[in-house]
Amino acid sequence: MMDNNFVIYTDGGARGNPGPAATGAVIYDARGKNRGQFSTYLGVATNNQAEYQALILGLGRLQKLIKDEHKLGDMLVTVLMDSELIVRQLNGEYKVKNKELKPLFAKAKELAAKFGRVIFRHIPREQNVVADSLVNKTLDHEAM
């Protein structure tokens, strides 16, 4: 059913690697309606840690948005992110070798498993403008 389809754009970024880091996630329903924009300041983290935290934020917020746990199993969620590395790790094409990323990978997979199906897709940065701007606004605000 189309009403059970959602798209989540996520982005994470660090100024310096590691450095001050933040996440951004935007959730759209099947009709393209923005169902929420979220961001968090992480403190010091790497770019890849921030990318995983953004994914965890997005999946967690979608789960809260869909209050009925039974509906989660019927949902198709497409996650769009501009980190090719993270997408390839989530799709099983690359192993997660970095020990700091392993628990974040595990948490992301645990959250994704609650939904019927989750597709992880890499997109160019230019197609991830809203999530990227959330990251930058959060970092700009925290730097003040």
Protein backbone atom coordinates (compact mmCIF):
# COMPACT_ATOMS: atom_id res chain seq x y z
CA MET A 1 0.00 0.00 0.00
CA MET A 2 1.33 3.38 -1.00
CA ASP A 3 0.46 5.06 2.33
CA ASN A 4 3.08 2.86 3.96
CA ASN A 5 5.92 4.24 1.85
CA PHE A 6 8.28 6.82 3.29
CA VAL A 7 11.46 8.46 2.09
CA ILE A 8 14.12 9.66 4.52
CA TYR A 9 16.95 11.93 3.44
CA THR A 10 19.82 11.87 5.92
CA ASP A 11 23.13 13.67 6.16
CA GLY A 12 25.87 13.95 8.71
CA GLY A 13 28.87 16.19 8.68
CA ALA A 14 31.91 17.17 10.68
CA ARG A 15 33.99 20.31 10.38
CA GLY A 16 37.36 18.72 10.64
CA ASN A 17 37.52 14.95 10.69
CA PRO A 18 37.02 14.48 13.58
CA GLY A 19 35.58 17.83 14.58
CA PRO A 20 32.32 19.51 15.58
CA ALA A 21 29.63 17.33 14.01
CA ALA A 22 25.88 17.33 13.42
CA THR A 23 23.12 15.31 11.79
CA GLY A 24 20.15 16.11 9.60
CA ALA A 25 17.16 14.00 8.59
CA VAL A 26 14.02 14.81 6.62
CA ILE A 27 11.03 12.46 6.35
CA TYR A 28 8.57 12.53 3.45
CA ASP A 29 5.43 10.44 3.11
CA ALA A 30 4.22 8.72 -0.06
CA ARG A 31 2.57 11.91 -1.29
CA GLY A 32 5.80 13.89 -0.92
CA LYS A 33 4.58 15.76 2.16
CA ASN A 34 7.33 16.75 4.59
CA ARG A 35 6.53 14.88 7.81
CA GLY A 36 9.40 16.30 9.83
CA GLN A 37 12.90 17.74 9.81
CA PHE A 38 15.32 16.86 12.56
CA SER A 39 18.89 17.66 13.46
CA THR A 40 21.20 17.13 16.40
CA TYR A 41 24.57 18.45 17.46
CA LEU A 42 26.91 15.56 18.22
CA GLY A 43 29.97 17.27 19.66
CA VAL A 44 33.22 15.92 18.23
CA ALA A 45 32.80 13.07 15.74
CA THR A 46 34.01 11.93 12.33
CA ASN A 47 32.05 12.42 9.11
CA ASN A 48 31.21 8.72 8.97
CA GLN A 49 30.04 8.65 12.59
CA ALA A 50 27.81 11.66 11.85
CA GLU A 51 26.39 9.93 8.75
CA TYR A 52 25.41 6.88 10.81
CA GLN A 53 23.97 9.06 13.60
CA ALA A 54 21.85 10.89 10.99
CA LEU A 55 20.48 7.57 9.74
CA ILE A 56 19.73 6.45 13.31
CA LEU A 57 17.99 9.78 13.94
CA GLY A 58 15.87 9.48 10.79
CA LEU A 59 14.79 5.88 11.36
CA GLY A 60 14.09 6.55 15.04
CA ARG A 61 11.96 9.60 14.30
CA LEU A 62 9.98 7.74 11.63
CA GLN A 63 9.31 4.98 14.14
CA LYS A 64 7.96 7.58 16.61
CA LEU A 65 5.87 9.17 13.84
CA ILE A 66 4.18 5.82 13.13
CA LYS A 67 2.86 5.19 16.61
CA ASP A 68 1.33 1.81 15.77
CA GLU A 69 4.11 -0.81 15.99
CA HIS A 70 2.08 -3.25 13.86
CA LYS A 71 2.19 -0.89 10.87
CA LEU A 72 6.01 -0.77 10.85
CA GLY A 73 6.20 -4.29 9.43
CA ASP A 74 4.15 -3.25 6.40
CA MET A 75 6.26 -0.20 5.58
CA LEU A 76 8.66 0.40 2.73
CA VAL A 77 11.27 2.98 3.68
CA THR A 78 13.74 4.40 1.18
CA VAL A 79 16.75 6.05 2.79
CA LEU A 80 18.64 8.47 0.56
CA MET A 81 22.10 9.58 1.67
CA ASP A 82 25.15 11.08 0.02
CA SER A 83 27.67 8.83 1.80
CA GLU A 84 28.54 6.09 -0.66
CA LEU A 85 30.62 4.28 2.00
CA ILE A 86 27.76 4.04 4.50
CA VAL A 87 25.26 2.94 1.82
CA ARG A 88 27.65 0.21 0.62
CA GLN A 89 28.20 -0.96 4.21
CA LEU A 90 24.46 -1.08 4.90
CA ASN A 91 23.84 -2.98 1.65
CA GLY A 92 26.50 -5.53 2.57
CA GLU A 93 28.89 -4.58 -0.24
CA TYR A 94 31.58 -3.38 2.19
CA LYS A 95 32.51 -4.69 5.62
CA VAL A 96 32.49 -2.30 8.57
CA LYS A 97 36.12 -2.41 9.71
CA ASN A 98 36.25 0.76 11.83
CA LYS A 99 35.61 -0.17 15.48
CA GLU A 100 33.87 3.15 16.24
CA LEU A 101 31.42 2.56 13.37
CA LYS A 102 30.50 -1.04 14.28
CA PRO A 103 28.05 -0.15 17.10
CA LEU A 104 26.49 2.60 14.96
CA PHE A 105 26.10 0.16 12.06
CA ALA A 106 24.50 -2.38 14.44
CA LYS A 107 22.07 0.23 15.82
CA ALA A 108 21.10 1.37 12.30
CA LYS A 109 20.46 -2.23 11.20
CA GLU A 110 18.46 -2.91 14.38
CA LEU A 111 16.21 0.10 13.70
CA ALA A 112 15.87 -0.79 10.00
CA ALA A 113 14.81 -4.35 10.91
CA LYS A 114 11.66 -2.98 12.58
CA PHE A 115 10.31 -1.87 9.19
CA GLY A 116 8.97 -4.18 6.48
CA ARG A 117 11.67 -3.22 4.01
CA VAL A 118 14.36 -0.54 3.99
CA ILE A 119 16.23 0.39 0.84
CA PHE A 120 19.50 2.30 1.23
CA ARG A 121 20.36 4.37 -1.82
CA HIS A 122 23.29 6.69 -2.54
CA ILE A 123 22.45 10.07 -4.06
CA PRO A 124 24.68 12.98 -5.13
CA ARG A 125 25.14 15.72 -2.53
CA GLU A 126 23.20 18.14 -4.76
CA GLN A 127 20.08 16.00 -4.25
CA ASN A 128 20.45 16.09 -0.47
CA VAL A 129 20.15 19.85 0.02
CA VAL A 130 17.56 19.93 2.83
CA ALA A 131 19.33 17.42 5.11
CA ASP A 132 22.69 19.05 4.34
CA SER A 133 21.35 22.50 5.24
CA LEU A 134 20.06 21.14 8.58
CA VAL A 135 23.57 19.89 9.37
CA ASN A 136 25.14 23.24 8.50
CA LYS A 137 22.53 25.30 10.38
CA THR A 138 23.07 23.16 13.47
CA LEU A 139 26.85 23.47 13.23
CA ASP A 140 26.62 27.25 12.63
CA HIS A 141 24.33 27.63 15.65
CA GLU A 142 26.54 25.51 17.94
CA ALA A 143 29.69 27.37 16.89
CA MET A 144 28.28 30.66 18.17
